[in-house]
Amino acid sequence: MSIHDRLRTATWIVLPDAAPDVRQRMASAITAWALDLSAGHPTDHGTIVQFLNDCDFLVIITKAIDGKILCQVHATSNFGVAIT
């Protein structure tokens, strides 16, 4: 399943009764939020979007309540080395 399919599925689970355009906007907002998270590199600080060419990321939303989102960010370099 592609990341886009997973995001659409996650958005549908959160907003099952929302119109398709509302779900699409929510998916876009979640994507923008995730890309702006810290990449977690120990020496080269930056956001996920800055490392997309060099790493694969897995962002797991662990809790979303009261306007706050908690998550875990896992990254693996294209050389197979975990950096977070």
N, C-alpha and C. Protein backbone atom coordinates (compact mmCIF):
# COMPACT_ATOMS: atom_id res chain seq x y z
N MET A 1 0.85 -1.17 0.00
CA MET A 1 0.00 0.00 0.00
C MET A 1 0.90 1.24 0.00
N SER A 2 0.64 2.16 -0.89
CA SER A 2 1.45 3.37 -0.97
C SER A 2 1.15 4.30 0.20
N ILE A 3 2.05 5.24 0.43
CA ILE A 3 1.85 6.21 1.50
C ILE A 3 0.57 7.01 1.26
N HIS A 4 0.27 7.31 0.00
CA HIS A 4 -0.95 8.07 -0.30
C HIS A 4 -2.18 7.25 0.03
N ASP A 5 -2.15 5.94 -0.27
CA ASP A 5 -3.28 5.07 0.07
C ASP A 5 -3.45 4.96 1.58
N ARG A 6 -2.32 4.84 2.30
CA ARG A 6 -2.39 4.76 3.76
C ARG A 6 -2.96 6.04 4.35
N LEU A 7 -2.54 7.17 3.83
CA LEU A 7 -3.03 8.45 4.34
C LEU A 7 -4.51 8.61 4.06
N ARG A 8 -4.94 8.22 2.86
CA ARG A 8 -6.38 8.29 2.55
C ARG A 8 -7.16 7.38 3.50
N THR A 9 -6.63 6.18 3.77
CA THR A 9 -7.30 5.26 4.68
C THR A 9 -7.36 5.84 6.09
N ALA A 10 -6.24 6.39 6.58
CA ALA A 10 -6.21 6.98 7.92
C ALA A 10 -7.18 8.15 8.01
N THR A 11 -7.23 8.97 6.97
CA THR A 11 -8.14 10.11 6.98
C THR A 11 -9.58 9.64 6.97
N TRP A 12 -9.87 8.59 6.23
CA TRP A 12 -11.23 8.05 6.19
C TRP A 12 -11.63 7.52 7.56
N ILE A 13 -10.70 6.86 8.26
CA ILE A 13 -11.00 6.32 9.59
C ILE A 13 -11.32 7.45 10.56
N VAL A 14 -10.58 8.56 10.47
CA VAL A 14 -10.79 9.70 11.37
C VAL A 14 -12.05 10.47 11.00
N LEU A 15 -12.33 10.58 9.71
CA LEU A 15 -13.47 11.36 9.22
C LEU A 15 -14.37 10.51 8.32
N PRO A 16 -14.98 9.45 8.84
CA PRO A 16 -15.71 8.52 7.98
C PRO A 16 -16.91 9.14 7.27
N ASP A 17 -17.53 10.15 7.87
CA ASP A 17 -18.73 10.73 7.27
C ASP A 17 -18.46 12.01 6.49
N ALA A 18 -17.21 12.40 6.39
CA ALA A 18 -16.86 13.65 5.71
C ALA A 18 -16.92 13.45 4.19
N ALA A 19 -17.19 14.54 3.52
CA ALA A 19 -17.19 14.53 2.06
C ALA A 19 -15.77 14.26 1.55
N PRO A 20 -15.65 13.67 0.37
CA PRO A 20 -14.32 13.36 -0.18
C PRO A 20 -13.37 14.56 -0.22
N ASP A 21 -13.90 15.75 -0.56
CA ASP A 21 -13.02 16.92 -0.63
C ASP A 21 -12.52 17.32 0.76
N VAL A 22 -13.32 17.11 1.79
CA VAL A 22 -12.90 17.41 3.16
C VAL A 22 -11.81 16.43 3.58
N ARG A 23 -12.01 15.15 3.26
CA ARG A 23 -10.99 14.15 3.59
C ARG A 23 -9.69 14.46 2.85
N GLN A 24 -9.78 14.90 1.60
CA GLN A 24 -8.57 15.23 0.83
C GLN A 24 -7.84 16.41 1.46
N ARG A 25 -8.58 17.42 1.89
CA ARG A 25 -7.94 18.57 2.55
C ARG A 25 -7.28 18.16 3.86
N MET A 26 -7.92 17.27 4.61
CA MET A 26 -7.34 16.78 5.85
C MET A 26 -6.07 15.98 5.56
N ALA A 27 -6.09 15.16 4.53
CA ALA A 27 -4.90 14.40 4.16
C ALA A 27 -3.76 15.34 3.78
N SER A 28 -4.08 16.40 3.07
CA SER A 28 -3.06 17.39 2.70
C SER A 28 -2.50 18.10 3.93
N ALA A 29 -3.36 18.42 4.87
CA ALA A 29 -2.91 19.09 6.10
C ALA A 29 -2.01 18.16 6.92
N ILE A 30 -2.38 16.89 7.02
CA ILE A 30 -1.56 15.93 7.77
C ILE A 30 -0.21 15.75 7.09
N THR A 31 -0.20 15.70 5.77
CA THR A 31 1.05 15.56 5.03
C THR A 31 1.96 16.76 5.27
N ALA A 32 1.41 17.95 5.19
CA ALA A 32 2.20 19.17 5.42
C ALA A 32 2.75 19.18 6.84
N TRP A 33 1.93 18.79 7.80
CA TRP A 33 2.37 18.74 9.20
C TRP A 33 3.53 17.76 9.34
N ALA A 34 3.39 16.56 8.77
CA ALA A 34 4.44 15.54 8.90
C ALA A 34 5.74 15.98 8.24
N LEU A 35 5.66 16.60 7.08
CA LEU A 35 6.87 17.03 6.38
C LEU A 35 7.62 18.11 7.16
N ASP A 36 6.93 18.83 8.03
CA ASP A 36 7.56 19.90 8.80
C ASP A 36 8.12 19.42 10.15
N LEU A 37 7.94 18.14 10.47
CA LEU A 37 8.48 17.61 11.72
C LEU A 37 10.00 17.53 11.65
N SER A 38 10.63 17.54 12.81
CA SER A 38 12.07 17.35 12.87
C SER A 38 12.43 15.98 12.33
N ALA A 39 13.47 15.92 11.51
CA ALA A 39 13.91 14.65 10.96
C ALA A 39 14.60 13.79 12.01
N GLY A 40 15.03 14.40 13.09
CA GLY A 40 15.62 13.66 14.18
C GLY A 40 17.06 13.24 13.96
N HIS A 41 17.71 13.82 12.96
CA HIS A 41 19.11 13.46 12.71
C HIS A 41 19.95 13.97 13.87
N PRO A 42 20.88 13.16 14.37
CA PRO A 42 21.64 13.57 15.56
C PRO A 42 22.60 14.74 15.36
N THR A 43 23.08 14.97 14.14
CA THR A 43 24.03 16.07 13.92
C THR A 43 23.57 17.06 12.87
N ASP A 44 22.83 16.62 11.87
CA ASP A 44 22.32 17.52 10.82
C ASP A 44 20.85 17.81 11.10
N HIS A 45 20.60 18.91 11.78
CA HIS A 45 19.23 19.24 12.17
C HIS A 45 18.45 19.76 10.97
N GLY A 46 17.19 19.42 10.93
CA GLY A 46 16.32 19.88 9.85
C GLY A 46 15.00 19.13 9.89
N THR A 47 14.14 19.46 8.95
CA THR A 47 12.83 18.84 8.90
C THR A 47 12.84 17.64 7.96
N ILE A 48 11.79 16.85 8.03
CA ILE A 48 11.67 15.67 7.18
C ILE A 48 11.79 16.04 5.71
N VAL A 49 11.12 17.11 5.30
CA VAL A 49 11.14 17.49 3.89
C VAL A 49 12.57 17.76 3.41
N GLN A 50 13.43 18.22 4.28
CA GLN A 50 14.81 18.52 3.90
C GLN A 50 15.64 17.25 3.69
N PHE A 51 15.18 16.12 4.21
CA PHE A 51 15.93 14.88 4.12
C PHE A 51 15.26 13.84 3.21
N LEU A 52 14.20 14.22 2.51
CA LEU A 52 13.45 13.24 1.71
C LEU A 52 14.29 12.56 0.64
N ASN A 53 15.26 13.24 0.09
CA ASN A 53 16.09 12.62 -0.95
C ASN A 53 17.06 11.59 -0.38
N ASP A 54 17.36 11.69 0.91
CA ASP A 54 18.37 10.84 1.52
C ASP A 54 17.82 9.76 2.44
N CYS A 55 16.57 9.89 2.86
CA CYS A 55 16.04 8.98 3.88
C CYS A 55 14.60 8.59 3.57
N ASP A 56 14.21 7.46 4.14
CA ASP A 56 12.81 7.05 4.17
C ASP A 56 12.31 7.28 5.59
N PHE A 57 11.10 7.78 5.72
CA PHE A 57 10.55 8.11 7.03
C PHE A 57 9.25 7.36 7.28
N LEU A 58 9.06 7.03 8.53
CA LEU A 58 7.80 6.47 9.00
C LEU A 58 7.36 7.36 10.15
N VAL A 59 6.21 8.02 10.00
CA VAL A 59 5.65 8.86 11.06
C VAL A 59 4.42 8.13 11.58
N ILE A 60 4.46 7.80 12.86
CA ILE A 60 3.35 7.09 13.49
C ILE A 60 2.67 8.05 14.46
N ILE A 61 1.42 8.37 14.18
CA ILE A 61 0.64 9.21 15.09
C ILE A 61 0.17 8.30 16.22
N THR A 62 0.63 8.59 17.43
CA THR A 62 0.32 7.75 18.58
C THR A 62 -0.88 8.26 19.37
N LYS A 63 -1.14 9.56 19.27
CA LYS A 63 -2.27 10.13 19.99
C LYS A 63 -2.64 11.46 19.36
N ALA A 64 -3.92 11.68 19.18
CA ALA A 64 -4.41 12.97 18.68
C ALA A 64 -5.65 13.32 19.50
N ILE A 65 -5.49 14.30 20.39
CA ILE A 65 -6.59 14.68 21.26
C ILE A 65 -6.39 16.13 21.72
N ASP A 66 -7.48 16.83 21.88
CA ASP A 66 -7.47 18.20 22.38
C ASP A 66 -6.55 19.12 21.57
N GLY A 67 -6.51 18.93 20.27
CA GLY A 67 -5.72 19.79 19.41
C GLY A 67 -4.23 19.50 19.42
N LYS A 68 -3.81 18.41 20.08
CA LYS A 68 -2.40 18.05 20.13
C LYS A 68 -2.20 16.70 19.45
N ILE A 69 -1.10 16.58 18.75
CA ILE A 69 -0.77 15.33 18.08
C ILE A 69 0.58 14.85 18.59
N LEU A 70 0.62 13.64 19.09
CA LEU A 70 1.87 13.01 19.50
C LEU A 70 2.24 11.98 18.44
N CYS A 71 3.53 11.89 18.16
CA CYS A 71 3.94 10.95 17.12
C CYS A 71 5.34 10.43 17.39
N GLN A 72 5.67 9.39 16.66
CA GLN A 72 7.02 8.85 16.62
C GLN A 72 7.51 9.00 15.20
N VAL A 73 8.77 9.40 15.04
CA VAL A 73 9.37 9.53 13.71
C VAL A 73 10.54 8.56 13.63
N HIS A 74 10.50 7.70 12.64
CA HIS A 74 11.58 6.76 12.39
C HIS A 74 12.14 7.06 11.00
N ALA A 75 13.45 7.07 10.90
CA ALA A 75 14.08 7.35 9.61
C ALA A 75 15.16 6.33 9.32
N THR A 76 15.28 5.98 8.06
CA THR A 76 16.34 5.10 7.59
C THR A 76 16.97 5.76 6.38
N SER A 77 18.29 5.86 6.39
CA SER A 77 18.97 6.46 5.24
C SER A 77 18.84 5.53 4.05
N ASN A 78 19.06 6.04 2.86
CA ASN A 78 19.01 5.22 1.66
C ASN A 78 20.09 4.16 1.66
N PHE A 79 21.00 4.22 2.61
CA PHE A 79 22.06 3.22 2.75
C PHE A 79 21.69 2.16 3.78
N GLY A 80 20.44 2.23 4.28
CA GLY A 80 19.97 1.23 5.23
C GLY A 80 20.34 1.48 6.67
N VAL A 81 20.81 2.66 7.00
CA VAL A 81 21.23 2.98 8.36
C VAL A 81 20.13 3.77 9.06
N ALA A 82 19.68 3.27 10.19
CA ALA A 82 18.65 3.98 10.97
C ALA A 82 19.29 5.21 11.60
N ILE A 83 18.60 6.37 11.49
CA ILE A 83 19.15 7.59 12.07
C ILE A 83 18.33 8.10 13.22
N THR A 84 17.15 7.52 13.49
CA THR A 84 16.37 7.94 14.65
C THR A 84 15.89 6.74 15.40
